[in-house]
Amino acid sequence: MDINAFAMLCELLKTRGGLLDDGNVTIEEQVATFVNILAHHTKNKSVQVRFYRSGETISWYVHRVLRALLRLENLLFVKPTSVPDDCTDSRWRWFKEWEDFDSDPRNHEECFNMKHSQASNIIERCFGLLKKRRAILRSPSFYTIRFQGRMIIACVWLHNFIRMYMDVDLEEYTPITLDELPIRKDIPDELESIDVVEASDKWSQWRDDLAGEIFDTWMSRRT
């Protein structure tokens, strides 16, 4: 994010997100602290040293910026739009009407697998891009589940903001190097991890019902 984009972000958080300068910490410092934590997964102690603030102060203002950023949903949430028939994009021209009707799913299982594969590709691409930009998504997190969920949304909002307000995004096609991957030595040994997931009749039935609903919806749109 360049200087102009950072200034625009601060202005949007102030005018549209309700972020205030309370006389103790400027809006610019609040936003800089927040972005620094997202981009580099900097621990609270390290941020204390860099900004000369107490841990409580940093935590307080990080949550304030997060709430202000989430209020920009109407501005930064990009809704998908269908591709028009007269689209001249060269990338679309090669894929238009590519589908082979012989490969259409014939039952709810094949339809579910098709949708699952499509969703996996999209999610993998989106999270791969977000992880490249935000180290907080590449490292083990010890925040609460509620806070982690909001941070993921915040990363998406910031990504959309950069695409909107920066003409040239220098990190768009920059791959992650090994040196950029986080190495956390402070992970406790007693941290529990999930190694095995057993099947459940309840969830299996829910999956089958969902697959049937997806297939019925898909068939109704084809007719």
Protein backbone atom coordinates (compact mmCIF):
# COMPACT_ATOMS: atom_id res chain seq x y z
CA MET A 1 0.00 0.00 0.00
CA ASP A 2 1.49 3.33 -1.04
CA ILE A 3 1.26 6.63 0.84
CA ASN A 4 -1.70 7.94 -1.15
CA ALA A 5 -3.70 4.75 -0.62
CA PHE A 6 -2.89 4.80 3.09
CA ALA A 7 -4.13 8.39 3.38
CA MET A 8 -7.31 7.47 1.52
CA LEU A 9 -7.85 4.49 3.83
CA CYS A 10 -7.51 6.71 6.90
CA GLU A 11 -10.00 9.17 5.43
CA LEU A 12 -12.53 6.44 4.65
CA LEU A 13 -12.22 4.95 8.11
CA LYS A 14 -12.81 8.40 9.56
CA THR A 15 -15.71 9.55 7.39
CA ARG A 16 -17.42 6.23 6.62
CA GLY A 17 -16.22 3.92 9.37
CA GLY A 18 -16.59 6.27 12.31
CA LEU A 19 -12.97 6.03 13.45
CA LEU A 20 -12.12 8.96 15.73
CA ASP A 21 -8.98 10.79 16.77
CA ASP A 22 -9.46 10.93 20.55
CA GLY A 23 -6.40 13.11 21.17
CA ASN A 24 -4.29 10.26 22.49
CA VAL A 25 -3.52 8.30 19.32
CA THR A 26 -3.95 9.78 15.84
CA ILE A 27 -5.99 8.00 13.21
CA GLU A 28 -2.87 7.49 11.12
CA GLU A 29 -1.10 5.73 13.99
CA GLN A 30 -4.14 3.59 14.73
CA VAL A 31 -4.38 2.44 11.13
CA ALA A 32 -0.61 1.93 10.81
CA THR A 33 -0.62 -0.29 13.90
CA PHE A 34 -3.52 -2.33 12.57
CA VAL A 35 -2.07 -2.78 9.07
CA ASN A 36 1.34 -3.66 10.52
CA ILE A 37 -0.14 -6.48 12.58
CA LEU A 38 -2.09 -7.84 9.61
CA ALA A 39 0.77 -7.65 7.14
CA HIS A 40 3.55 -9.02 9.35
CA HIS A 41 1.68 -10.79 12.18
CA THR A 42 3.68 -8.69 14.59
CA LYS A 43 3.21 -9.63 18.22
CA ASN A 44 1.87 -7.12 20.70
CA LYS A 45 5.22 -6.80 22.47
CA SER A 46 7.00 -5.91 19.23
CA VAL A 47 4.37 -3.30 18.38
CA GLN A 48 4.78 -1.80 21.86
CA VAL A 49 8.46 -1.19 21.15
CA ARG A 50 7.85 0.24 17.68
CA PHE A 51 5.04 2.65 18.59
CA TYR A 52 5.96 3.29 22.23
CA ARG A 53 2.53 2.24 23.46
CA SER A 54 1.30 -0.14 26.13
CA GLY A 55 -0.13 -3.51 25.21
CA GLU A 56 -3.59 -2.49 26.39
CA THR A 57 -3.51 0.65 24.24
CA ILE A 58 -2.49 -1.30 21.14
CA SER A 59 -5.17 -3.94 21.67
CA TRP A 60 -7.82 -1.26 22.24
CA TYR A 61 -7.09 0.66 19.06
CA VAL A 62 -6.64 -2.45 16.91
CA HIS A 63 -10.18 -3.47 17.80
CA ARG A 64 -11.41 0.06 17.06
CA VAL A 65 -9.86 0.06 13.59
CA LEU A 66 -11.21 -3.43 12.94
CA ARG A 67 -14.76 -2.36 13.79
CA ALA A 68 -14.42 0.76 11.64
CA LEU A 69 -13.12 -1.27 8.70
CA LEU A 70 -15.98 -3.76 8.91
CA ARG A 71 -18.41 -0.84 8.64
CA LEU A 72 -17.12 -0.23 5.09
CA GLU A 73 -18.90 -3.33 3.81
CA ASN A 74 -21.18 -1.40 1.46
CA LEU A 75 -18.14 0.22 -0.13
CA LEU A 76 -15.55 -2.58 -0.16
CA PHE A 77 -17.71 -5.67 -0.60
CA VAL A 78 -17.58 -6.47 -4.30
CA LYS A 79 -20.65 -8.33 -5.53
CA PRO A 80 -20.15 -10.66 -8.51
CA THR A 81 -21.74 -9.69 -11.80
CA SER A 82 -22.58 -11.91 -14.75
CA VAL A 83 -20.51 -11.66 -17.91
CA PRO A 84 -22.47 -9.91 -20.72
CA ASP A 85 -22.89 -11.62 -24.07
CA ASP A 86 -21.05 -8.81 -25.86
CA CYS A 87 -17.99 -9.03 -23.60
CA THR A 88 -14.80 -8.21 -25.53
CA ASP A 89 -12.33 -9.42 -22.90
CA SER A 90 -9.86 -11.73 -24.66
CA ARG A 91 -9.71 -14.01 -21.62
CA TRP A 92 -13.45 -14.59 -21.76
CA ARG A 93 -13.54 -15.17 -25.52
CA TRP A 94 -11.59 -18.40 -25.28
CA PHE A 95 -13.82 -19.89 -22.58
CA LYS A 96 -17.23 -18.78 -23.83
CA GLU A 97 -19.53 -21.74 -24.49
CA TRP A 98 -16.74 -24.17 -23.66
CA GLU A 99 -18.98 -26.54 -21.73
CA ASP A 100 -19.55 -29.98 -23.13
CA PHE A 101 -23.12 -31.01 -22.35
CA ASP A 102 -22.08 -34.67 -22.28
CA SER A 103 -20.12 -33.95 -19.11
CA ASP A 104 -23.09 -32.53 -17.20
CA PRO A 105 -23.69 -34.20 -13.83
CA ARG A 106 -26.24 -36.99 -14.00
CA ASN A 107 -27.10 -37.26 -10.31
CA HIS A 108 -26.74 -35.40 -7.03
CA GLU A 109 -23.35 -36.98 -6.25
CA GLU A 110 -21.75 -35.83 -9.51
CA CYS A 111 -23.30 -32.38 -9.12
CA PHE A 112 -21.98 -32.09 -5.57
CA ASN A 113 -18.48 -33.13 -6.68
CA MET A 114 -18.56 -30.57 -9.50
CA LYS A 115 -19.61 -27.73 -7.18
CA HIS A 116 -17.10 -28.86 -4.55
CA SER A 117 -14.28 -28.80 -7.10
CA GLN A 118 -15.25 -25.33 -8.33
CA ALA A 119 -15.49 -23.97 -4.80
CA SER A 120 -12.13 -25.51 -3.85
CA ASN A 121 -10.39 -23.82 -6.78
CA ILE A 122 -11.87 -20.42 -5.93
CA ILE A 123 -11.16 -20.69 -2.21
CA GLU A 124 -7.61 -21.89 -2.83
CA ARG A 125 -6.94 -18.95 -5.15
CA CYS A 126 -8.50 -16.37 -2.83
CA PHE A 127 -6.81 -17.55 0.33
CA GLY A 128 -3.51 -18.03 -1.48
CA LEU A 129 -3.60 -14.39 -2.53
CA LEU A 130 -4.64 -13.20 0.93
CA LYS A 131 -1.94 -15.25 2.64
CA LYS A 132 0.66 -13.77 0.32
CA ARG A 133 -0.33 -10.29 1.48
CA ARG A 134 -1.14 -10.89 5.14
CA ALA A 135 1.29 -12.85 7.29
CA ILE A 136 -1.35 -13.09 10.00
CA LEU A 137 -3.11 -15.66 7.79
CA ARG A 138 0.08 -17.69 7.26
CA SER A 139 0.92 -18.18 10.93
CA PRO A 140 -0.67 -20.09 13.81
CA SER A 141 -3.16 -17.79 15.48
CA PHE A 142 -3.96 -17.61 19.17
CA TYR A 143 -6.76 -15.07 18.86
CA THR A 144 -10.36 -15.96 19.62
CA ILE A 145 -12.41 -17.58 16.86
CA ARG A 146 -14.64 -14.50 16.65
CA PHE A 147 -11.65 -12.20 16.24
CA GLN A 148 -10.01 -14.50 13.66
CA GLY A 149 -13.16 -14.49 11.55
CA ARG A 150 -13.32 -10.71 11.60
CA MET A 151 -9.65 -10.44 10.70
CA ILE A 152 -10.18 -12.60 7.61
CA ILE A 153 -12.99 -10.30 6.49
CA ALA A 154 -10.75 -7.30 7.20
CA CYS A 155 -8.04 -8.80 4.98
CA VAL A 156 -10.58 -9.20 2.17
CA TRP A 157 -11.77 -5.61 2.58
CA LEU A 158 -8.19 -4.31 2.48
CA HIS A 159 -7.46 -6.35 -0.64
CA ASN A 160 -10.51 -4.89 -2.39
CA PHE A 161 -9.51 -1.42 -1.23
CA ILE A 162 -6.04 -1.79 -2.74
CA ARG A 163 -7.53 -2.96 -6.04
CA MET A 164 -9.86 0.06 -6.08
CA TYR A 165 -7.49 2.84 -5.08
CA MET A 166 -4.08 1.76 -6.39
CA ASP A 167 -3.43 1.93 -10.13
CA VAL A 168 -0.45 -0.41 -9.90
CA ASP A 169 -0.33 -3.18 -7.33
CA LEU A 170 3.31 -4.23 -7.03
CA GLU A 171 2.48 -7.37 -5.05
CA GLU A 172 -0.14 -8.70 -7.45
CA TYR A 173 2.17 -11.19 -9.13
CA THR A 174 4.95 -11.39 -6.57
CA PRO A 175 5.35 -14.97 -5.31
CA ILE A 176 6.05 -15.79 -1.67
CA THR A 177 9.68 -16.63 -0.98
CA LEU A 178 10.89 -19.02 1.69
CA ASP A 179 12.30 -16.10 3.66
CA GLU A 180 8.82 -14.59 3.93
CA LEU A 181 7.25 -17.69 5.42
CA PRO A 182 6.86 -17.23 9.18
CA ILE A 183 8.80 -19.43 11.56
CA ARG A 184 7.20 -19.31 14.97
CA LYS A 185 9.38 -20.59 17.79
CA ASP A 186 6.98 -19.55 20.52
CA ILE A 187 4.32 -22.17 19.76
CA PRO A 188 3.61 -24.10 22.99
CA ASP A 189 4.36 -27.82 22.97
CA GLU A 190 1.02 -28.64 24.56
CA LEU A 191 -0.94 -27.05 21.70
CA GLU A 192 -3.55 -29.58 20.61
CA SER A 193 -4.05 -30.39 16.95
CA ILE A 194 -6.74 -32.36 15.12
CA ASP A 195 -5.21 -35.44 13.49
CA VAL A 196 -8.26 -37.62 12.78
CA VAL A 197 -11.80 -36.70 11.78
CA GLU A 198 -14.31 -39.52 12.18
CA ALA A 199 -17.42 -39.88 10.06
CA SER A 200 -20.75 -38.88 11.54
CA ASP A 201 -24.15 -40.18 10.46
CA LYS A 202 -25.70 -36.80 11.20
CA TRP A 203 -23.23 -34.84 9.07
CA SER A 204 -23.28 -37.47 6.32
CA GLN A 205 -27.05 -37.12 6.09
CA TRP A 206 -26.73 -33.33 6.07
CA ARG A 207 -24.20 -33.57 3.22
CA ASP A 208 -26.48 -35.87 1.19
CA ASP A 209 -29.48 -33.58 1.73
CA LEU A 210 -27.39 -30.59 0.66
CA ALA A 211 -26.19 -32.44 -2.44
CA GLY A 212 -29.77 -33.28 -3.37
CA GLU A 213 -30.87 -29.67 -2.91
CA ILE A 214 -27.96 -28.40 -5.03
CA PHE A 215 -28.75 -30.88 -7.81
CA ASP A 216 -32.47 -30.00 -7.83
CA THR A 217 -31.65 -26.29 -8.02
CA TRP A 218 -29.14 -26.88 -10.81
CA MET A 219 -31.64 -28.96 -12.81
CA SER A 220 -34.40 -26.36 -12.40
CA ARG A 221 -32.12 -23.69 -13.85
CA ARG A 222 -31.24 -25.87 -16.84
CA THR A 223 -34.86 -26.38 -17.86
